[in-house]
Amino acid sequence: MSKWNVVIDVAECTNCNLCTLATMDEYVGNDWPGYSAPMQKHGHKWINILQKERGQSPYLDIAYVPTVCNHCDDAPCMKADTSGAIKKRDDGIVMIDPVKGKGQKQLVDACPYGHIWWNEELQVPQHWNFDAHLIDGGWGKTRASQVCPTGAFQTVKCDDAAMAQRVREEKLEVMKPELNAKPRVYYKNLWRYSTAFIAGTLSFEASGRVECLEGASLRLVKDGKAIAELKSDNYGDFKFDRLPENSGVYSLEIESAGRTRKTVPVELKDSLSLGEIRV
């Protein structure tokens, strides 16, 4: 059976917030009986975009990650629900009944992703319900995917085998995989948000002039083992990316023809720019 999924490409999100605004436009002041009570005007971000800045100048990048209800197949919120307010549809969509959920504030804390929101005025827990009223009306997409100008937010309907194949081929990831909640929201290029880098510039001095060191061989070594190798570009720049944050001490080994081999100790917490390294 085909089920609904979301694929979000972190590399394509520009933080335009159109997905967030379109969702607010769909739900603020609008009652969708059987699907959702009106969204609270202030304080709710059913699509919330996380932002992370990595590194220091001149090696600096920013990643934006739209987050939503993950519509988990093994949803923690469903396990905490004792009122029958939360149901999992056959097409993969998780629904919070706006009537049965009345007064069930404890459901907000049941979501480890922080994506059940409490509507204080209506006294009801709410979430992004995959725009189920539009899906059931034949739209075939959500408001977020409709308005996304870069294609970063995609609505995908396929069977689980096809989705699993896409996950493997595109190296898709989910948020907080350690929970084993089986989310149906997948991320491409999530490493731009979740990992760190070590970068810098190699230079040398000749005839009283400082020049960029192009083509030098660099090895990143941890615990006596080389984990990555590359060469400096024509500006002398290098960048080792997709490293675990707070992963400790590394050795950066630099070697270039006709020059003394150099080793630089590095302790990695967050992404790190080593600046200019004279060889």
Protein backbone atom coordinates (compact mmCIF):
# COMPACT_ATOMS: atom_id res chain seq x y z
CA MET A 1 0.00 0.00 0.00
CA SER A 2 1.25 3.49 -0.83
CA LYS A 3 1.92 5.77 2.12
CA TRP A 4 2.82 9.42 2.56
CA ASN A 5 6.34 10.62 3.32
CA VAL A 6 8.26 13.89 3.28
CA VAL A 7 11.77 14.33 1.86
CA ILE A 8 13.57 17.54 2.86
CA ASP A 9 16.84 18.55 1.17
CA VAL A 10 18.83 20.64 3.66
CA ALA A 11 21.15 21.81 0.89
CA GLU A 12 18.22 23.41 -0.95
CA CYS A 13 16.49 25.18 1.96
CA THR A 14 17.13 28.95 1.90
CA ASN A 15 15.12 29.85 5.03
CA CYS A 16 12.50 31.73 3.00
CA ASN A 17 9.87 30.47 5.50
CA LEU A 18 7.21 30.13 2.81
CA CYS A 19 6.39 26.63 4.08
CA THR A 20 5.83 28.01 7.58
CA LEU A 21 3.72 30.90 6.33
CA ALA A 22 1.64 28.75 3.97
CA THR A 23 0.82 26.38 6.81
CA MET A 24 -0.23 29.28 9.02
CA ASP A 25 -2.35 30.60 6.15
CA GLU A 26 -4.06 27.22 5.89
CA TYR A 27 -4.85 26.79 9.58
CA VAL A 28 -4.92 30.12 11.46
CA GLY A 29 -8.58 31.10 11.74
CA ASN A 30 -9.70 28.05 9.73
CA ASP A 31 -11.58 25.14 11.26
CA TRP A 32 -11.30 21.82 9.43
CA PRO A 33 -13.84 19.55 11.19
CA GLY A 34 -12.54 16.04 11.72
CA TYR A 35 -9.01 17.16 10.89
CA SER A 36 -7.94 20.21 12.89
CA ALA A 37 -9.23 23.04 15.01
CA PRO A 38 -7.95 26.51 14.07
CA MET A 39 -4.24 27.02 14.66
CA GLN A 40 -3.25 29.41 17.41
CA LYS A 41 -2.20 32.69 15.79
CA HIS A 42 0.87 33.33 17.93
CA GLY A 43 3.50 30.97 19.33
CA HIS A 44 2.91 27.99 17.06
CA LYS A 45 5.32 26.89 14.32
CA TRP A 46 3.97 23.63 12.97
CA ILE A 47 6.79 23.88 10.44
CA ASN A 48 9.78 25.18 12.36
CA ILE A 49 13.07 25.89 10.57
CA LEU A 50 16.19 25.18 12.59
CA GLN A 51 19.33 27.15 11.76
CA LYS A 52 22.96 26.26 12.34
CA GLU A 53 26.09 28.25 11.59
CA ARG A 54 29.24 26.18 11.15
CA GLY A 55 32.83 27.39 11.34
CA GLN A 56 34.45 30.79 11.49
CA SER A 57 35.39 33.33 8.82
CA PRO A 58 36.52 32.76 6.12
CA TYR A 59 35.25 29.16 6.36
CA LEU A 60 31.64 29.59 7.29
CA ASP A 61 28.39 28.00 6.17
CA ILE A 62 24.79 27.98 7.37
CA ALA A 63 22.29 25.17 7.17
CA TYR A 64 18.50 25.45 7.48
CA VAL A 65 16.41 22.44 8.48
CA PRO A 66 12.59 22.52 8.28
CA THR A 67 11.14 20.33 11.05
CA VAL A 68 7.58 19.05 11.37
CA CYS A 69 5.57 16.28 12.97
CA ASN A 70 7.38 13.16 11.78
CA HIS A 71 4.25 10.98 11.44
CA CYS A 72 6.18 8.14 13.06
CA ASP A 73 5.14 4.54 12.49
CA ASP A 74 6.05 3.80 16.11
CA ALA A 75 4.95 7.17 17.46
CA PRO A 76 5.80 7.95 21.12
CA CYS A 77 2.76 10.23 21.31
CA MET A 78 0.45 7.32 20.50
CA LYS A 79 1.95 5.29 23.33
CA ALA A 80 1.25 8.14 25.76
CA ASP A 81 -2.32 8.65 24.54
CA THR A 82 -4.96 7.14 26.82
CA SER A 83 -7.95 8.99 25.35
CA GLY A 84 -7.96 7.62 21.82
CA ALA A 85 -7.17 11.09 20.49
CA ILE A 86 -4.25 10.02 18.30
CA LYS A 87 -4.69 7.63 15.39
CA LYS A 88 -2.39 6.33 12.66
CA ARG A 89 -4.06 6.18 9.27
CA ASP A 90 -3.40 3.40 6.79
CA ASP A 91 -1.67 5.91 4.51
CA GLY A 92 0.91 6.71 7.21
CA ILE A 93 -0.54 10.00 8.45
CA VAL A 94 -0.85 10.52 12.22
CA MET A 95 -3.95 12.45 13.27
CA ILE A 96 -4.82 14.17 16.56
CA ASP A 97 -8.58 14.34 16.91
CA PRO A 98 -9.47 17.96 17.82
CA VAL A 99 -12.46 16.79 19.87
CA LYS A 100 -11.03 13.76 21.70
CA GLY A 101 -7.80 15.65 22.32
CA LYS A 102 -9.56 18.38 24.29
CA GLY A 103 -7.72 19.00 27.55
CA GLN A 104 -5.00 16.41 26.81
CA LYS A 105 -2.04 18.72 27.48
CA GLN A 106 0.20 15.81 28.50
CA LEU A 107 0.42 14.83 24.84
CA VAL A 108 2.62 17.87 24.19
CA ASP A 109 5.41 16.41 26.30
CA ALA A 110 4.98 12.98 24.73
CA CYS A 111 6.58 14.09 21.47
CA PRO A 112 10.41 13.88 21.75
CA TYR A 113 10.70 16.06 18.63
CA GLY A 114 8.79 18.95 20.20
CA HIS A 115 6.16 19.01 17.47
CA ILE A 116 2.91 18.77 19.37
CA TRP A 117 1.77 22.28 20.22
CA TRP A 118 -0.67 23.32 22.92
CA ASN A 119 -3.47 25.66 21.86
CA GLU A 120 -4.16 27.54 25.07
CA GLU A 121 -7.31 29.22 23.80
CA LEU A 122 -8.98 26.02 22.61
CA GLN A 123 -7.30 23.75 25.19
CA VAL A 124 -6.28 21.21 22.58
CA PRO A 125 -2.97 19.67 21.41
CA GLN A 126 -2.17 20.29 17.74
CA HIS A 127 0.39 19.30 15.13
CA TRP A 128 1.07 19.51 11.41
CA ASN A 129 -1.30 16.83 10.18
CA PHE A 130 0.19 16.51 6.69
CA ASP A 131 -2.60 18.74 5.43
CA ALA A 132 -4.76 15.63 5.50
CA HIS A 133 -7.91 17.55 4.50
CA LEU A 134 -6.15 18.60 1.29
CA ILE A 135 -4.70 15.13 0.71
CA ASP A 136 -8.15 13.58 1.09
CA GLY A 137 -9.51 16.23 -1.26
CA GLY A 138 -7.22 14.99 -4.02
CA TRP A 139 -4.42 17.56 -3.86
CA GLY A 140 -1.61 15.02 -3.88
CA LYS A 141 0.70 17.45 -2.10
CA THR A 142 0.90 19.65 0.99
CA ARG A 143 0.86 23.44 1.13
CA ALA A 144 4.53 23.38 2.11
CA SER A 145 5.59 21.41 -0.95
CA GLN A 146 3.33 23.54 -3.14
CA VAL A 147 5.00 26.84 -2.18
CA CYS A 148 8.64 25.72 -1.75
CA PRO A 149 10.53 27.58 -4.51
CA THR A 150 13.63 25.34 -4.45
CA GLY A 151 12.02 21.91 -4.13
CA ALA A 152 13.61 21.45 -0.70
CA PHE A 153 10.28 20.25 0.75
CA GLN A 154 8.84 17.30 -1.18
CA THR A 155 5.74 15.23 -0.51
CA VAL A 156 6.22 11.62 -1.58
CA LYS A 157 3.66 8.83 -1.82
CA CYS A 158 4.93 5.31 -2.41
CA ASP A 159 5.01 1.90 -0.77
CA ASP A 160 7.46 1.22 2.03
CA ALA A 161 9.78 -0.88 -0.15
CA ALA A 162 10.16 1.93 -2.69
CA MET A 163 10.77 4.43 0.09
CA ALA A 164 13.39 2.19 1.69
CA GLN A 165 15.16 1.94 -1.65
CA ARG A 166 15.17 5.72 -2.02
CA VAL A 167 16.56 6.07 1.50
CA ARG A 168 19.46 3.79 0.57
CA GLU A 169 20.17 5.35 -2.81
CA GLU A 170 20.02 8.97 -1.65
CA LYS A 171 21.49 8.31 1.81
CA LEU A 172 18.48 9.86 3.50
CA GLU A 173 18.41 10.25 7.28
CA VAL A 174 15.84 10.88 9.98
CA MET A 175 15.92 13.07 13.07
CA LYS A 176 16.87 11.31 16.33
CA PRO A 177 17.26 7.82 14.85
CA GLU A 178 18.19 6.51 18.30
CA LEU A 179 14.50 6.75 19.29
CA ASN A 180 13.53 4.05 16.75
CA ALA A 181 10.25 5.87 16.25
CA LYS A 182 10.32 5.15 12.49
CA PRO A 183 9.65 8.70 11.24
CA ARG A 184 8.20 9.25 7.78
CA VAL A 185 10.05 12.55 7.38
CA TYR A 186 13.46 12.04 5.75
CA TYR A 187 16.37 14.40 5.24
CA LYS A 188 18.89 14.67 2.43
CA ASN A 189 22.25 16.35 3.16
CA LEU A 190 21.49 16.46 6.87
CA TRP A 191 25.26 16.28 7.45
CA ARG A 192 25.36 20.01 6.72
CA TYR A 193 23.51 20.48 10.02
CA SER A 194 24.66 17.54 12.13
CA THR A 195 28.41 17.25 11.45
CA ALA A 196 31.53 19.41 11.73
CA PHE A 197 34.49 20.32 9.51
CA ILE A 198 38.17 21.19 9.81
CA ALA A 199 39.38 23.72 7.25
CA GLY A 200 42.32 26.01 6.62
CA THR A 201 44.76 27.49 4.10
CA LEU A 202 48.31 26.35 3.35
CA SER A 203 51.00 28.83 2.37
CA PHE A 204 54.77 29.00 1.93
CA GLU A 205 57.36 31.76 1.71
CA ALA A 206 59.75 32.06 -1.23
CA SER A 207 62.01 34.99 -2.22
CA GLY A 208 60.38 37.15 0.39
CA ARG A 209 56.86 36.51 -0.92
CA VAL A 210 54.06 34.46 0.64
CA GLU A 211 52.36 32.13 -1.85
CA CYS A 212 49.44 29.73 -1.73
CA LEU A 213 50.53 26.11 -1.47
CA GLU A 214 48.65 24.18 -4.13
CA GLY A 215 48.56 20.40 -4.42
CA ALA A 216 49.89 19.60 -0.96
CA SER A 217 48.83 16.23 0.43
CA LEU A 218 46.88 16.29 3.67
CA ARG A 219 45.91 13.37 5.88
CA LEU A 220 43.56 13.59 8.82
CA VAL A 221 44.59 11.03 11.41
CA LYS A 222 42.71 9.89 14.51
CA ASP A 223 43.89 7.24 16.95
CA GLY A 224 46.75 6.38 14.62
CA LYS A 225 44.53 5.77 11.59
CA ALA A 226 44.10 7.99 8.54
CA ILE A 227 40.38 8.69 8.18
CA ALA A 228 40.53 11.08 5.21
CA GLU A 229 42.98 12.37 2.60
CA LEU A 230 42.86 15.26 0.15
CA LYS A 231 44.98 17.85 -1.65
CA SER A 232 44.97 21.62 -1.20
CA ASP A 233 43.41 23.58 -4.06
CA ASN A 234 45.01 26.36 -6.12
CA TYR A 235 44.37 28.81 -3.27
CA GLY A 236 45.95 26.48 -0.74
CA ASP A 237 42.56 25.83 0.82
CA PHE A 238 41.44 22.50 2.28
CA LYS A 239 38.36 21.24 4.09
CA PHE A 240 37.66 17.93 5.83
CA ASP A 241 33.90 17.72 6.30
CA ARG A 242 31.27 15.34 7.73
CA LEU A 243 33.23 14.78 10.95
CA PRO A 244 31.43 13.99 14.21
CA GLU A 245 31.08 16.98 16.51
CA ASN A 246 33.00 16.83 19.80
CA SER A 247 35.06 13.96 18.40
CA GLY A 248 38.29 14.96 20.14
CA VAL A 249 41.89 15.12 19.03
CA TYR A 250 43.12 14.66 15.46
CA SER A 251 46.50 15.03 13.77
CA LEU A 252 46.65 16.93 10.50
CA GLU A 253 49.61 15.69 8.46
CA ILE A 254 50.82 17.95 5.64
CA GLU A 255 53.32 16.95 2.99
CA SER A 256 54.45 18.72 -0.17
CA ALA A 257 57.30 17.97 -2.58
CA GLY A 258 60.51 19.73 -1.55
CA ARG A 259 59.08 20.96 1.74
CA THR A 260 59.34 19.81 5.33
CA ARG A 261 56.52 17.55 6.43
CA LYS A 262 54.38 19.21 9.08
CA THR A 263 51.95 17.84 11.67
CA VAL A 264 49.32 20.03 13.30
CA PRO A 265 47.34 18.80 16.35
CA VAL A 266 43.63 19.65 16.22
CA GLU A 267 40.90 19.26 18.83
CA LEU A 268 37.47 19.21 17.25
CA LYS A 269 34.38 20.36 19.10
CA ASP A 270 32.39 22.49 16.66
CA SER A 271 33.44 23.20 13.07
CA LEU A 272 36.88 24.73 13.06
CA SER A 273 38.84 27.09 10.80
CA LEU A 274 42.59 26.74 11.38
CA GLY A 275 43.37 29.88 9.42
CA GLU A 276 46.70 30.11 7.56
CA ILE A 277 49.23 27.32 8.07
CA ARG A 278 52.74 28.17 6.86
CA VAL A 279 54.58 25.12 5.52
